[in-house]
């Protein structure tokens, strides 16, 4: 994974050269963009898909069928991409359900902070 960080760390572009469980959902066909929103006093996460990405997922139970965690994606830009908050949120509790967000509460319904992983978390 390669991070291109601005001098003030308010803008970061990331390229995942391979898939990895360390950064789930990231794919070599996409560029991730993190920006500091001074008005909201929060980081925002976006995804720029450059070429089609197949569905990516985890097997929740050892038997079939696998439960897909990330749907297939086509060429697009997604502002405030909900899948980013699985790792980049102060509500960072693994959610293996179908509800967006990390603890089963839909993203945006409860105030929380979005953080780069190198930054200290509030909790």
PDB file of N, CA and C in Angstrom:
ATOM      1  N   UNK A   1       0.847  -1.165   0.000  1.00  0.00           N
ATOM      2  CA  UNK A   1       0.000   0.000   0.000  1.00  0.00           C
ATOM      3  C   UNK A   1       0.893   1.228   0.000  1.00  0.00           C
ATOM      4  N   UNK A   2       0.569   2.160  -0.870  1.00  0.00           N
ATOM      5  CA  UNK A   2       1.355   3.382  -0.983  1.00  0.00           C
ATOM      6  C   UNK A   2       0.463   4.567  -0.625  1.00  0.00           C
ATOM      7  N   UNK A   3       0.948   5.421   0.264  1.00  0.00           N
ATOM      8  CA  UNK A   3       0.223   6.613   0.662  1.00  0.00           C
ATOM      9  C   UNK A   3       0.951   7.837   0.132  1.00  0.00           C
ATOM     10  N   UNK A   4       0.196   8.721  -0.512  1.00  0.00           N
ATOM     11  CA  UNK A   4       0.714   9.994  -0.985  1.00  0.00           C
ATOM     12  C   UNK A   4       0.077  11.062  -0.102  1.00  0.00           C
ATOM     13  N   UNK A   5       0.859  11.634   0.810  1.00  0.00           N
ATOM     14  CA  UNK A   5       0.349  12.528   1.847  1.00  0.00           C
ATOM     15  C   UNK A   5       0.781  13.956   1.567  1.00  0.00           C
ATOM     16  N   UNK A   6      -0.152  14.894   1.684  1.00  0.00           N
ATOM     17  CA  UNK A   6       0.221  16.299   1.554  1.00  0.00           C
ATOM     18  C   UNK A   6       1.071  16.700   2.756  1.00  0.00           C
ATOM     19  N   UNK A   7       1.789  17.794   2.639  1.00  0.00           N
ATOM     20  CA  UNK A   7       2.704  18.230   3.694  1.00  0.00           C
ATOM     21  C   UNK A   7       1.993  18.443   5.026  1.00  0.00           C
ATOM     22  N   UNK A   8       0.726  18.866   4.992  1.00  0.00           N
ATOM     23  CA  UNK A   8      -0.018  19.114   6.231  1.00  0.00           C
ATOM     24  C   UNK A   8      -0.909  17.930   6.628  1.00  0.00           C
ATOM     25  N   UNK A   9      -0.828  16.819   5.895  1.00  0.00           N
ATOM     26  CA  UNK A   9      -1.604  15.587   6.160  1.00  0.00           C
ATOM     27  C   UNK A   9      -3.111  15.807   6.123  1.00  0.00           C
ATOM     28  N   UNK A  10      -3.551  16.823   5.390  1.00  0.00           N
ATOM     29  CA  UNK A  10      -4.990  17.062   5.261  1.00  0.00           C
ATOM     30  C   UNK A  10      -5.570  16.403   4.018  1.00  0.00           C
ATOM     31  N   UNK A  11      -4.716  15.927   3.134  1.00  0.00           N
ATOM     32  CA  UNK A  11      -5.141  15.213   1.918  1.00  0.00           C
ATOM     33  C   UNK A  11      -4.203  14.036   1.712  1.00  0.00           C
ATOM     34  N   UNK A  12      -4.798  12.860   1.506  1.00  0.00           N
ATOM     35  CA  UNK A  12      -3.996  11.657   1.298  1.00  0.00           C
ATOM     36  C   UNK A  12      -4.642  10.823   0.193  1.00  0.00           C
ATOM     37  N   UNK A  13      -3.840  10.430  -0.786  1.00  0.00           N
ATOM     38  CA  UNK A  13      -4.263   9.472  -1.797  1.00  0.00           C
ATOM     39  C   UNK A  13      -3.561   8.162  -1.483  1.00  0.00           C
ATOM     40  N   UNK A  14      -4.276   7.056  -1.571  1.00  0.00           N
ATOM     41  CA  UNK A  14      -3.721   5.749  -1.255  1.00  0.00           C
ATOM     42  C   UNK A  14      -3.969   4.793  -2.404  1.00  0.00           C
ATOM     43  N   UNK A  15      -2.943   4.017  -2.739  1.00  0.00           N
ATOM     44  CA  UNK A  15      -3.053   2.974  -3.762  1.00  0.00           C
ATOM     45  C   UNK A  15      -2.694   1.650  -3.096  1.00  0.00           C
ATOM     46  N   UNK A  16      -3.612   0.699  -3.134  1.00  0.00           N
ATOM     47  CA  UNK A  16      -3.333  -0.646  -2.628  1.00  0.00           C
ATOM     48  C   UNK A  16      -2.829  -1.494  -3.783  1.00  0.00           C
ATOM     49  N   UNK A  17      -1.581  -1.862  -3.757  1.00  0.00           N
ATOM     50  CA  UNK A  17      -0.987  -2.589  -4.879  1.00  0.00           C
ATOM     51  C   UNK A  17      -1.468  -4.042  -4.956  1.00  0.00           C
ATOM     52  N   UNK A  18      -2.032  -4.539  -3.868  1.00  0.00           N
ATOM     53  CA  UNK A  18      -2.584  -5.889  -3.818  1.00  0.00           C
ATOM     54  C   UNK A  18      -3.704  -5.888  -2.787  1.00  0.00           C
ATOM     55  N   UNK A  19      -4.555  -6.888  -2.792  1.00  0.00           N
ATOM     56  CA  UNK A  19      -5.590  -6.972  -1.765  1.00  0.00           C
ATOM     57  C   UNK A  19      -4.979  -7.554  -0.498  1.00  0.00           C
ATOM     58  N   UNK A  20      -5.522  -7.173   0.644  1.00  0.00           N
ATOM     59  CA  UNK A  20      -5.009  -7.644   1.923  1.00  0.00           C
ATOM     60  C   UNK A  20      -6.074  -7.497   2.991  1.00  0.00           C
ATOM     61  N   UNK A  21      -6.096  -8.406   3.943  1.00  0.00           N
ATOM     62  CA  UNK A  21      -7.045  -8.289   5.053  1.00  0.00           C
ATOM     63  C   UNK A  21      -6.682  -7.109   5.957  1.00  0.00           C
ATOM     64  N   UNK A  22      -5.483  -6.586   5.812  1.00  0.00           N
ATOM     65  CA  UNK A  22      -5.088  -5.415   6.596  1.00  0.00           C
ATOM     66  C   UNK A  22      -5.824  -4.155   6.142  1.00  0.00           C
ATOM     67  N   UNK A  23      -6.261  -4.124   4.897  1.00  0.00           N
ATOM     68  CA  UNK A  23      -7.065  -3.011   4.396  1.00  0.00           C
ATOM     69  C   UNK A  23      -8.186  -3.589   3.535  1.00  0.00           C
ATOM     70  N   UNK A  24      -9.216  -4.141   4.205  1.00  0.00           N
ATOM     71  CA  UNK A  24     -10.305  -4.825   3.504  1.00  0.00           C
ATOM     72  C   UNK A  24     -11.072  -3.884   2.572  1.00  0.00           C
ATOM     73  N   UNK A  25     -11.440  -4.404   1.416  1.00  0.00           N
ATOM     74  CA  UNK A  25     -12.192  -3.623   0.445  1.00  0.00           C
ATOM     75  C   UNK A  25     -11.317  -2.832  -0.502  1.00  0.00           C
ATOM     76  N   UNK A  26     -10.072  -2.583  -0.127  1.00  0.00           N
ATOM     77  CA  UNK A  26      -9.155  -1.870  -1.023  1.00  0.00           C
ATOM     78  C   UNK A  26      -8.761  -2.802  -2.165  1.00  0.00           C
ATOM     79  N   UNK A  27      -8.553  -2.243  -3.324  1.00  0.00           N
ATOM     80  CA  UNK A  27      -8.239  -3.037  -4.516  1.00  0.00           C
ATOM     81  C   UNK A  27      -7.287  -2.241  -5.405  1.00  0.00           C
ATOM     82  N   UNK A  28      -6.399  -2.913  -6.140  1.00  0.00           N
ATOM     83  CA  UNK A  28      -5.468  -2.202  -7.027  1.00  0.00           C
ATOM     84  C   UNK A  28      -6.149  -1.351  -8.102  1.00  0.00           C
ATOM     85  N   UNK A  29      -7.421  -1.619  -8.410  1.00  0.00           N
ATOM     86  CA  UNK A  29      -8.137  -0.842  -9.422  1.00  0.00           C
ATOM     87  C   UNK A  29      -8.772   0.424  -8.857  1.00  0.00           C
ATOM     88  N   UNK A  30      -8.491   0.722  -7.601  1.00  0.00           N
ATOM     89  CA  UNK A  30      -9.098   1.903  -6.981  1.00  0.00           C
ATOM     90  C   UNK A  30      -8.040   2.745  -6.275  1.00  0.00           C
ATOM     91  N   UNK A  31      -8.323   4.028  -6.204  1.00  0.00           N
ATOM     92  CA  UNK A  31      -7.513   4.971  -5.438  1.00  0.00           C
ATOM     93  C   UNK A  31      -8.414   5.479  -4.319  1.00  0.00           C
ATOM     94  N   UNK A  32      -7.896   5.458  -3.108  1.00  0.00           N
ATOM     95  CA  UNK A  32      -8.651   5.982  -1.978  1.00  0.00           C
ATOM     96  C   UNK A  32      -8.183   7.409  -1.704  1.00  0.00           C
ATOM     97  N   UNK A  33      -9.117   8.268  -1.355  1.00  0.00           N
ATOM     98  CA  UNK A  33      -8.793   9.664  -1.081  1.00  0.00           C
ATOM     99  C   UNK A  33      -9.357  10.049   0.278  1.00  0.00           C
ATOM    100  N   UNK A  34      -8.508  10.530   1.144  1.00  0.00           N
ATOM    101  CA  UNK A  34      -8.914  11.014   2.456  1.00  0.00           C
ATOM    102  C   UNK A  34      -8.678  12.517   2.481  1.00  0.00           C
ATOM    103  N   UNK A  35      -9.655  13.266   2.967  1.00  0.00           N
ATOM    104  CA  UNK A  35      -9.496  14.716   3.048  1.00  0.00           C
ATOM    105  C   UNK A  35      -9.964  15.210   4.414  1.00  0.00           C
ATOM    106  N   UNK A  36      -9.317  16.228   4.920  1.00  0.00           N
ATOM    107  CA  UNK A  36      -9.730  16.875   6.156  1.00  0.00           C
ATOM    108  C   UNK A  36     -10.806  17.887   5.812  1.00  0.00           C
ATOM    109  N   UNK A  37     -11.937  17.822   6.504  1.00  0.00           N
ATOM    110  CA  UNK A  37     -13.024  18.776   6.326  1.00  0.00           C
ATOM    111  C   UNK A  37     -12.978  19.731   7.519  1.00  0.00           C
ATOM    112  N   UNK A  38     -12.470  20.936   7.283  1.00  0.00           N
ATOM    113  CA  UNK A  38     -12.289  21.901   8.367  1.00  0.00           C
ATOM    114  C   UNK A  38     -13.619  22.362   8.954  1.00  0.00           C
ATOM    115  N   UNK A  39     -14.676  22.377   8.152  1.00  0.00           N
ATOM    116  CA  UNK A  39     -15.990  22.787   8.644  1.00  0.00           C
ATOM    117  C   UNK A  39     -16.549  21.763   9.626  1.00  0.00           C
ATOM    118  N   UNK A  40     -16.482  20.478   9.236  1.00  0.00           N
ATOM    119  CA  UNK A  40     -16.987  19.404  10.099  1.00  0.00           C
ATOM    120  C   UNK A  40     -15.976  18.982  11.164  1.00  0.00           C
ATOM    121  N   UNK A  41     -14.739  19.443  11.025  1.00  0.00           N
ATOM    122  CA  UNK A  41     -13.643  19.018  11.911  1.00  0.00           C
ATOM    123  C   UNK A  41     -13.547  17.493  11.927  1.00  0.00           C
ATOM    124  N   UNK A  42     -13.515  16.917  10.737  1.00  0.00           N
ATOM    125  CA  UNK A  42     -13.528  15.470  10.588  1.00  0.00           C
ATOM    126  C   UNK A  42     -12.857  15.089   9.266  1.00  0.00           C
ATOM    127  N   UNK A  43     -12.334  13.880   9.203  1.00  0.00           N
ATOM    128  CA  UNK A  43     -11.800  13.378   7.941  1.00  0.00           C
ATOM    129  C   UNK A  43     -12.925  12.750   7.133  1.00  0.00           C
ATOM    130  N   UNK A  44     -12.839  12.880   5.820  1.00  0.00           N
ATOM    131  CA  UNK A  44     -13.798  12.264   4.898  1.00  0.00           C
ATOM    132  C   UNK A  44     -13.034  11.306   4.006  1.00  0.00           C
ATOM    133  N   UNK A  45     -13.679  10.193   3.650  1.00  0.00           N
ATOM    134  CA  UNK A  45     -13.039   9.140   2.871  1.00  0.00           C
ATOM    135  C   UNK A  45     -13.819   8.904   1.588  1.00  0.00           C
ATOM    136  N   UNK A  46     -13.095   8.858   0.476  1.00  0.00           N
ATOM    137  CA  UNK A  46     -13.705   8.690  -0.844  1.00  0.00           C
ATOM    138  C   UNK A  46     -12.969   7.580  -1.593  1.00  0.00           C
ATOM    139  N   UNK A  47     -13.639   7.006  -2.585  1.00  0.00           N
ATOM    140  CA  UNK A  47     -12.997   5.982  -3.414  1.00  0.00           C
ATOM    141  C   UNK A  47     -13.166   6.351  -4.885  1.00  0.00           C
ATOM    142  N   UNK A  48     -12.080   6.219  -5.635  1.00  0.00           N
ATOM    143  CA  UNK A  48     -12.087   6.460  -7.073  1.00  0.00           C
ATOM    144  C   UNK A  48     -11.785   5.121  -7.740  1.00  0.00           C
ATOM    145  N   UNK A  49     -12.806   4.515  -8.354  1.00  0.00           N
ATOM    146  CA  UNK A  49     -12.633   3.215  -9.012  1.00  0.00           C
ATOM    147  C   UNK A  49     -12.240   3.476 -10.462  1.00  0.00           C
ATOM    148  N   UNK A  50     -11.065   2.993 -10.846  1.00  0.00           N
ATOM    149  CA  UNK A  50     -10.516   3.237 -12.183  1.00  0.00           C
ATOM    150  C   UNK A  50     -10.907   2.162 -13.189  1.00  0.00           C
ATOM    151  N   UNK A  51     -11.178   0.951 -12.723  1.00  0.00           N
ATOM    152  CA  UNK A  51     -11.564  -0.176 -13.570  1.00  0.00           C
ATOM    153  C   UNK A  51     -12.434  -1.096 -12.722  1.00  0.00           C
ATOM    154  N   UNK A  52     -13.254  -1.955 -13.343  1.00  0.00           N
ATOM    155  CA  UNK A  52     -14.157  -2.810 -12.562  1.00  0.00           C
ATOM    156  C   UNK A  52     -13.434  -3.623 -11.484  1.00  0.00           C
ATOM    157  N   UNK A  53     -14.115  -3.759 -10.350  1.00  0.00           N
ATOM    158  CA  UNK A  53     -13.610  -4.534  -9.217  1.00  0.00           C
ATOM    159  C   UNK A  53     -14.649  -5.609  -8.918  1.00  0.00           C
ATOM    160  N   UNK A  54     -14.237  -6.872  -8.862  1.00  0.00           N
ATOM    161  CA  UNK A  54     -15.202  -7.930  -8.550  1.00  0.00           C
ATOM    162  C   UNK A  54     -15.637  -7.859  -7.088  1.00  0.00           C
ATOM    163  N   UNK A  55     -16.719  -8.552  -6.751  1.00  0.00           N
ATOM    164  CA  UNK A  55     -17.161  -8.621  -5.360  1.00  0.00           C
ATOM    165  C   UNK A  55     -16.033  -9.201  -4.517  1.00  0.00           C
ATOM    166  N   UNK A  56     -15.867  -8.642  -3.343  1.00  0.00           N
ATOM    167  CA  UNK A  56     -14.829  -9.097  -2.416  1.00  0.00           C
ATOM    168  C   UNK A  56     -15.529  -9.423  -1.106  1.00  0.00           C
ATOM    169  N   UNK A  57     -15.145 -10.524  -0.458  1.00  0.00           N
ATOM    170  CA  UNK A  57     -15.880 -10.845   0.749  1.00  0.00           C
ATOM    171  C   UNK A  57     -15.159 -11.717   1.721  1.00  0.00           C
ATOM    172  N   UNK A  58     -15.807 -11.903   2.843  1.00  0.00           N
ATOM    173  CA  UNK A  58     -15.353 -12.781   3.902  1.00  0.00           C
ATOM    174  C   UNK A  58     -16.329 -13.944   3.997  1.00  0.00           C
ATOM    175  N   UNK A  59     -15.848 -15.097   4.368  1.00  0.00           N
ATOM    176  CA  UNK A  59     -16.738 -16.209   4.661  1.00  0.00           C
ATOM    177  C   UNK A  59     -17.072 -16.111   6.138  1.00  0.00           C
ATOM    178  N   UNK A  60     -18.337 -15.830   6.443  1.00  0.00           N
ATOM    179  CA  UNK A  60     -18.751 -15.673   7.828  1.00  0.00           C
ATOM    180  C   UNK A  60     -18.830 -17.041   8.506  1.00  0.00           C
ATOM    181  N   UNK A  61     -19.460 -18.001   7.825  1.00  0.00           N
ATOM    182  CA  UNK A  61     -19.547 -19.372   8.321  1.00  0.00           C
ATOM    183  C   UNK A  61     -18.652 -20.237   7.463  1.00  0.00           C
ATOM    184  N   UNK A  62     -18.087 -21.309   8.030  1.00  0.00           N
ATOM    185  CA  UNK A  62     -17.192 -22.146   7.236  1.00  0.00           C
ATOM    186  C   UNK A  62     -17.871 -22.793   6.028  1.00  0.00           C
ATOM    187  N   UNK A  63     -19.177 -22.970   6.067  1.00  0.00           N
ATOM    188  CA  UNK A  63     -19.884 -23.599   4.938  1.00  0.00           C
ATOM    189  C   UNK A  63     -20.414 -22.563   3.979  1.00  0.00           C
ATOM    190  N   UNK A  64     -20.763 -22.982   2.749  1.00  0.00           N
ATOM    191  CA  UNK A  64     -21.314 -22.032   1.782  1.00  0.00           C
ATOM    192  C   UNK A  64     -22.711 -21.603   2.217  1.00  0.00           C
ATOM    193  N   UNK A  65     -23.233 -20.503   1.741  1.00  0.00           N
ATOM    194  CA  UNK A  65     -22.564 -19.565   0.842  1.00  0.00           C
ATOM    195  C   UNK A  65     -21.748 -18.544   1.614  1.00  0.00           C
ATOM    196  N   UNK A  66     -20.757 -17.994   0.957  1.00  0.00           N
ATOM    197  CA  UNK A  66     -19.957 -16.919   1.556  1.00  0.00           C
ATOM    198  C   UNK A  66     -20.819 -15.673   1.661  1.00  0.00           C
ATOM    199  N   UNK A  67     -20.627 -14.904   2.689  1.00  0.00           N
ATOM    200  CA  UNK A  67     -21.337 -13.640   2.842  1.00  0.00           C
ATOM    201  C   UNK A  67     -20.429 -12.546   2.305  1.00  0.00           C
ATOM    202  N   UNK A  68     -20.856 -11.919   1.220  1.00  0.00           N
ATOM    203  CA  UNK A  68     -20.017 -10.879   0.615  1.00  0.00           C
ATOM    204  C   UNK A  68     -20.004  -9.639   1.490  1.00  0.00           C
ATOM    205  N   UNK A  69     -18.838  -9.109   1.679  1.00  0.00           N
ATOM    206  CA  UNK A  69     -18.687  -7.904   2.469  1.00  0.00           C
ATOM    207  C   UNK A  69     -18.704  -6.666   1.576  1.00  0.00           C
ATOM    208  N   UNK A  70     -18.188  -6.795   0.351  1.00  0.00           N
ATOM    209  CA  UNK A  70     -18.127  -5.661  -0.565  1.00  0.00           C
ATOM    210  C   UNK A  70     -18.663  -6.090  -1.928  1.00  0.00           C
ATOM    211  N   UNK A  71     -19.644  -5.376  -2.408  1.00  0.00           N
ATOM    212  CA  UNK A  71     -20.230  -5.673  -3.715  1.00  0.00           C
ATOM    213  C   UNK A  71     -19.256  -5.320  -4.827  1.00  0.00           C
ATOM    214  N   UNK A  72     -19.501  -5.874  -6.019  1.00  0.00           N
ATOM    215  CA  UNK A  72     -18.701  -5.512  -7.192  1.00  0.00           C
ATOM    216  C   UNK A  72     -18.873  -4.012  -7.449  1.00  0.00           C
ATOM    217  N   UNK A  73     -17.823  -3.390  -7.940  1.00  0.00           N
ATOM    218  CA  UNK A  73     -17.862  -1.952  -8.193  1.00  0.00           C
ATOM    219  C   UNK A  73     -17.401  -1.666  -9.615  1.00  0.00           C
ATOM    220  N   UNK A  74     -18.018  -0.671 -10.229  1.00  0.00           N
ATOM    221  CA  UNK A  74     -17.616  -0.250 -11.566  1.00  0.00           C
ATOM    222  C   UNK A  74     -16.962   1.124 -11.475  1.00  0.00           C
ATOM    223  N   UNK A  75     -16.468   1.591 -12.596  1.00  0.00           N
ATOM    224  CA  UNK A  75     -15.758   2.869 -12.658  1.00  0.00           C
ATOM    225  C   UNK A  75     -16.662   3.981 -12.127  1.00  0.00           C
ATOM    226  N   UNK A  76     -16.219   4.617 -11.032  1.00  0.00           N
ATOM    227  CA  UNK A  76     -17.023   5.660 -10.401  1.00  0.00           C
ATOM    228  C   UNK A  76     -16.210   6.362  -9.316  1.00  0.00           C
ATOM    229  N   UNK A  77     -16.746   7.457  -8.815  1.00  0.00           N
ATOM    230  CA  UNK A  77     -16.184   8.131  -7.644  1.00  0.00           C
ATOM    231  C   UNK A  77     -17.257   8.081  -6.563  1.00  0.00           C
ATOM    232  N   UNK A  78     -16.897   7.590  -5.395  1.00  0.00           N
ATOM    233  CA  UNK A  78     -17.840   7.501  -4.284  1.00  0.00           C
ATOM    234  C   UNK A  78     -17.376   8.430  -3.171  1.00  0.00           C
ATOM    235  N   UNK A  79     -18.135   9.490  -2.952  1.00  0.00           N
ATOM    236  CA  UNK A  79     -17.826  10.417  -1.860  1.00  0.00           C
ATOM    237  C   UNK A  79     -18.342   9.829  -0.559  1.00  0.00           C
ATOM    238  N   UNK A  80     -17.589   9.999   0.515  1.00  0.00           N
ATOM    239  CA  UNK A  80     -17.972   9.488   1.834  1.00  0.00           C
ATOM    240  C   UNK A  80     -18.336   8.009   1.761  1.00  0.00           C
ATOM    241  N   UNK A  81     -17.428   7.223   1.219  1.00  0.00           N
ATOM    242  CA  UNK A  81     -17.645   5.791   0.998  1.00  0.00           C
ATOM    243  C   UNK A  81     -17.873   5.065   2.326  1.00  0.00           C
ATOM    244  N   UNK A  82     -19.054   4.455   2.510  1.00  0.00           N
ATOM    245  CA  UNK A  82     -19.377   3.839   3.802  1.00  0.00           C
ATOM    246  C   UNK A  82     -18.438   2.710   4.223  1.00  0.00           C
ATOM    247  N   UNK A  83     -17.865   1.988   3.278  1.00  0.00           N
ATOM    248  CA  UNK A  83     -17.010   0.856   3.675  1.00  0.00           C
ATOM    249  C   UNK A  83     -15.727   1.315   4.361  1.00  0.00           C
ATOM    250  N   UNK A  84     -15.315   2.551   4.145  1.00  0.00           N
ATOM    251  CA  UNK A  84     -14.076   3.055   4.760  1.00  0.00           C
ATOM    252  C   UNK A  84     -14.171   3.106   6.277  1.00  0.00           C
ATOM    253  N   UNK A  85     -15.396   3.308   6.784  1.00  0.00           N
ATOM    254  CA  UNK A  85     -15.561   3.504   8.214  1.00  0.00           C
ATOM    255  C   UNK A  85     -15.459   2.206   9.011  1.00  0.00           C
ATOM    256  N   UNK A  86     -15.308   1.076   8.327  1.00  0.00           N
ATOM    257  CA  UNK A  86     -15.056  -0.186   9.030  1.00  0.00           C
ATOM    258  C   UNK A  86     -13.717  -0.123   9.755  1.00  0.00           C
ATOM    259  N   UNK A  87     -12.787   0.654   9.238  1.00  0.00           N
ATOM    260  CA  UNK A  87     -11.458   0.779   9.849  1.00  0.00           C
ATOM    261  C   UNK A  87     -11.152   2.190  10.336  1.00  0.00           C
ATOM    262  N   UNK A  88     -11.794   3.182   9.756  1.00  0.00           N
ATOM    263  CA  UNK A  88     -11.431   4.581  10.014  1.00  0.00           C
ATOM    264  C   UNK A  88     -12.513   5.324  10.791  1.00  0.00           C
ATOM    265  N   UNK A  89     -12.889   4.806  11.944  1.00  0.00           N
ATOM    266  CA  UNK A  89     -13.925   5.455  12.729  1.00  0.00           C
ATOM    267  C   UNK A  89     -13.688   5.229  14.207  1.00  0.00           C
ATOM    268  N   UNK A  90     -14.140   6.195  15.020  1.00  0.00           N
ATOM    269  CA  UNK A  90     -14.074   6.001  16.463  1.00  0.00           C
ATOM    270  C   UNK A  90     -15.127   4.990  16.906  1.00  0.00           C
ATOM    271  N   UNK A  91     -16.037   4.620  16.021  1.00  0.00           N
ATOM    272  CA  UNK A  91     -17.015   3.569  16.311  1.00  0.00           C
ATOM    273  C   UNK A  91     -16.491   2.273  15.693  1.00  0.00           C
ATOM    274  N   UNK A  92     -15.212   2.020  15.832  1.00  0.00           N
ATOM    275  CA  UNK A  92     -14.511   0.947  15.150  1.00  0.00           C
ATOM    276  C   UNK A  92     -14.669  -0.392  15.881  1.00  0.00           C
ATOM    277  N   UNK A  93     -15.890  -0.933  15.817  1.00  0.00           N
ATOM    278  CA  UNK A  93     -16.180  -2.254  16.353  1.00  0.00           C
ATOM    279  C   UNK A  93     -16.642  -3.087  15.175  1.00  0.00           C
ATOM    280  N   UNK A  94     -16.003  -4.217  14.932  1.00  0.00           N
ATOM    281  CA  UNK A  94     -16.290  -5.019  13.751  1.00  0.00           C
ATOM    282  C   UNK A  94     -17.760  -5.391  13.662  1.00  0.00           C
ATOM    283  N   UNK A  95     -18.367  -5.122  12.517  1.00  0.00           N
ATOM    284  CA  UNK A  95     -19.755  -5.463  12.259  1.00  0.00           C
ATOM    285  C   UNK A  95     -19.788  -6.497  11.146  1.00  0.00           C
ATOM    286  N   UNK A  96     -20.164  -7.708  11.453  1.00  0.00           N
ATOM    287  CA  UNK A  96     -20.253  -8.755  10.431  1.00  0.00           C
ATOM    288  C   UNK A  96     -21.662  -8.857   9.861  1.00  0.00           C
ATOM    289  N   UNK A  97     -22.509  -7.893  10.179  1.00  0.00           N
ATOM    290  CA  UNK A  97     -23.875  -7.879   9.662  1.00  0.00           C
ATOM    291  C   UNK A  97     -23.965  -7.120   8.362  1.00  0.00           C
ATOM    292  N   UNK A  98     -25.190  -6.866   7.941  1.00  0.00           N
ATOM    293  CA  UNK A  98     -25.410  -6.207   6.655  1.00  0.00           C
ATOM    294  C   UNK A  98     -25.590  -4.697   6.786  1.00  0.00           C
ATOM    295  N   UNK A  99     -25.592  -4.159   8.006  1.00  0.00           N
ATOM    296  CA  UNK A  99     -25.788  -2.737   8.212  1.00  0.00           C
ATOM    297  C   UNK A  99     -24.479  -1.986   8.037  1.00  0.00           C
ATOM    298  N   UNK A 100     -24.456  -0.885   7.263  1.00  0.00           N
ATOM    299  CA  UNK A 100     -23.224  -0.114   7.122  1.00  0.00           C
ATOM    300  C   UNK A 100     -22.783   0.439   8.472  1.00  0.00           C
ATOM    301  N   UNK A 101     -21.528   0.705   8.604  1.00  0.00           N
ATOM    302  CA  UNK A 101     -20.977   1.183   9.862  1.00  0.00           C
ATOM    303  C   UNK A 101     -20.274   0.037  10.559  1.00  0.00           C
ATOM    304  N   UNK A 102     -19.614   0.311  11.625  1.00  0.00           N
ATOM    305  CA  UNK A 102     -18.799  -0.713  12.255  1.00  0.00           C
ATOM    306  C   UNK A 102     -19.466  -1.389  13.433  1.00  0.00           C
ATOM    307  N   UNK A 103     -20.589  -0.874  13.901  1.00  0.00           N
ATOM    308  CA  UNK A 103     -21.222  -1.486  15.059  1.00  0.00           C
ATOM    309  C   UNK A 103     -22.699  -1.790  14.812  1.00  0.00           C
ATOM    310  N   UNK A 104     -23.117  -1.788  13.549  1.00  0.00           N
ATOM    311  CA  UNK A 104     -24.505  -2.073  13.226  1.00  0.00           C
ATOM    312  C   UNK A 104     -25.379  -0.843  13.176  1.00  0.00           C
ATOM    313  N   UNK A 105     -24.869   0.292  13.616  1.00  0.00           N
ATOM    314  CA  UNK A 105     -25.624   1.540  13.556  1.00  0.00           C
ATOM    315  C   UNK A 105     -25.323   2.176  12.209  1.00  0.00           C
ATOM    316  N   UNK A 106     -26.334   2.516  11.407  1.00  0.00           N
ATOM    317  CA  UNK A 106     -26.063   3.084  10.086  1.00  0.00           C
ATOM    318  C   UNK A 106     -25.144   4.299  10.149  1.00  0.00           C
ATOM    319  N   UNK A 107     -24.193   4.344   9.244  1.00  0.00           N
ATOM    320  CA  UNK A 107     -23.225   5.442   9.195  1.00  0.00           C
ATOM    321  C   UNK A 107     -23.955   6.774   9.093  1.00  0.00           C
ATOM    322  N   UNK A 108     -23.505   7.749   9.863  1.00  0.00           N
ATOM    323  CA  UNK A 108     -24.077   9.091   9.824  1.00  0.00           C
ATOM    324  C   UNK A 108     -25.219   9.315  10.794  1.00  0.00           C
ATOM    325  N   UNK A 109     -25.782   8.245  11.407  1.00  0.00           N
ATOM    326  CA  UNK A 109     -26.920   8.431  12.300  1.00  0.00           C
ATOM    327  C   UNK A 109     -26.485   8.822  13.714  1.00  0.00           C
ATOM    328  N   UNK A 110     -25.250   8.554  14.064  1.00  0.00           N
ATOM    329  CA  UNK A 110     -24.708   8.915  15.371  1.00  0.00           C
ATOM    330  C   UNK A 110     -23.399   9.642  15.121  1.00  0.00           C
ATOM    331  N   UNK A 111     -23.194  10.730  15.820  1.00  0.00           N
ATOM    332  CA  UNK A 111     -21.961  11.487  15.628  1.00  0.00           C
ATOM    333  C   UNK A 111     -20.737  10.676  16.015  1.00  0.00           C
ATOM    334  N   UNK A 112     -19.745  10.675  15.176  1.00  0.00           N
ATOM    335  CA  UNK A 112     -18.476  10.008  15.476  1.00  0.00           C
ATOM    336  C   UNK A 112     -17.401  10.677  14.661  1.00  0.00           C
ATOM    337  N   UNK A 113     -16.185  10.355  14.958  1.00  0.00           N
ATOM    338  CA  UNK A 113     -15.059  10.933  14.242  1.00  0.00           C
ATOM    339  C   UNK A 113     -14.462   9.912  13.295  1.00  0.00           C
ATOM    340  N   UNK A 114     -14.076  10.356  12.133  1.00  0.00           N
ATOM    341  CA  UNK A 114     -13.367   9.529  11.170  1.00  0.00           C
ATOM    342  C   UNK A 114     -11.894   9.872  11.293  1.00  0.00           C
ATOM    343  N   UNK A 115     -11.055   8.856  11.334  1.00  0.00           N
ATOM    344  CA  UNK A 115      -9.649   9.082  11.614  1.00  0.00           C
ATOM    345  C   UNK A 115      -8.750   8.330  10.649  1.00  0.00           C
ATOM    346  N   UNK A 116      -7.616   8.921  10.306  1.00  0.00           N
ATOM    347  CA  UNK A 116      -6.587   8.127   9.650  1.00  0.00           C
ATOM    348  C   UNK A 116      -6.055   7.159  10.697  1.00  0.00           C
ATOM    349  N   UNK A 117      -5.613   6.013  10.301  1.00  0.00           N
ATOM    350  CA  UNK A 117      -5.184   5.002  11.271  1.00  0.00           C
ATOM    351  C   UNK A 117      -3.890   5.346  11.989  1.00  0.00           C
ATOM    352  N   UNK A 118      -3.151   6.332  11.509  1.00  0.00           N
ATOM    353  CA  UNK A 118      -1.932   6.709  12.208  1.00  0.00           C
ATOM    354  C   UNK A 118      -2.223   7.767  13.284  1.00  0.00           C
ATOM    355  N   UNK A 119      -3.459   8.275  13.327  1.00  0.00           N
ATOM    356  CA  UNK A 119      -3.822   9.301  14.283  1.00  0.00           C
ATOM    357  C   UNK A 119      -4.361   8.645  15.558  1.00  0.00           C
ATOM    358  N   UNK A 120      -4.242   9.315  16.684  1.00  0.00           N
ATOM    359  CA  UNK A 120      -4.740   8.801  17.950  1.00  0.00           C
ATOM    360  C   UNK A 120      -6.263   8.834  17.958  1.00  0.00           C
ATOM    361  N   UNK A 121      -6.877   7.762  18.455  1.00  0.00           N
ATOM    362  CA  UNK A 121      -8.336   7.689  18.541  1.00  0.00           C
ATOM    363  C   UNK A 121      -8.805   8.333  19.834  1.00  0.00           C
ATOM    364  N   UNK A 122     -10.003   8.923  19.796  1.00  0.00           N
ATOM    365  CA  UNK A 122     -10.560   9.623  20.939  1.00  0.00           C
ATOM    366  C   UNK A 122     -10.752   8.702  22.142  1.00  0.00           C
ATOM    367  N   UNK A 123     -11.140   7.466  21.888  1.00  0.00           N
ATOM    368  CA  UNK A 123     -11.434   6.561  22.993  1.00  0.00           C
ATOM    369  C   UNK A 123     -10.144   6.027  23.550  1.00  0.00           C
TER     370      UNK A 123
END
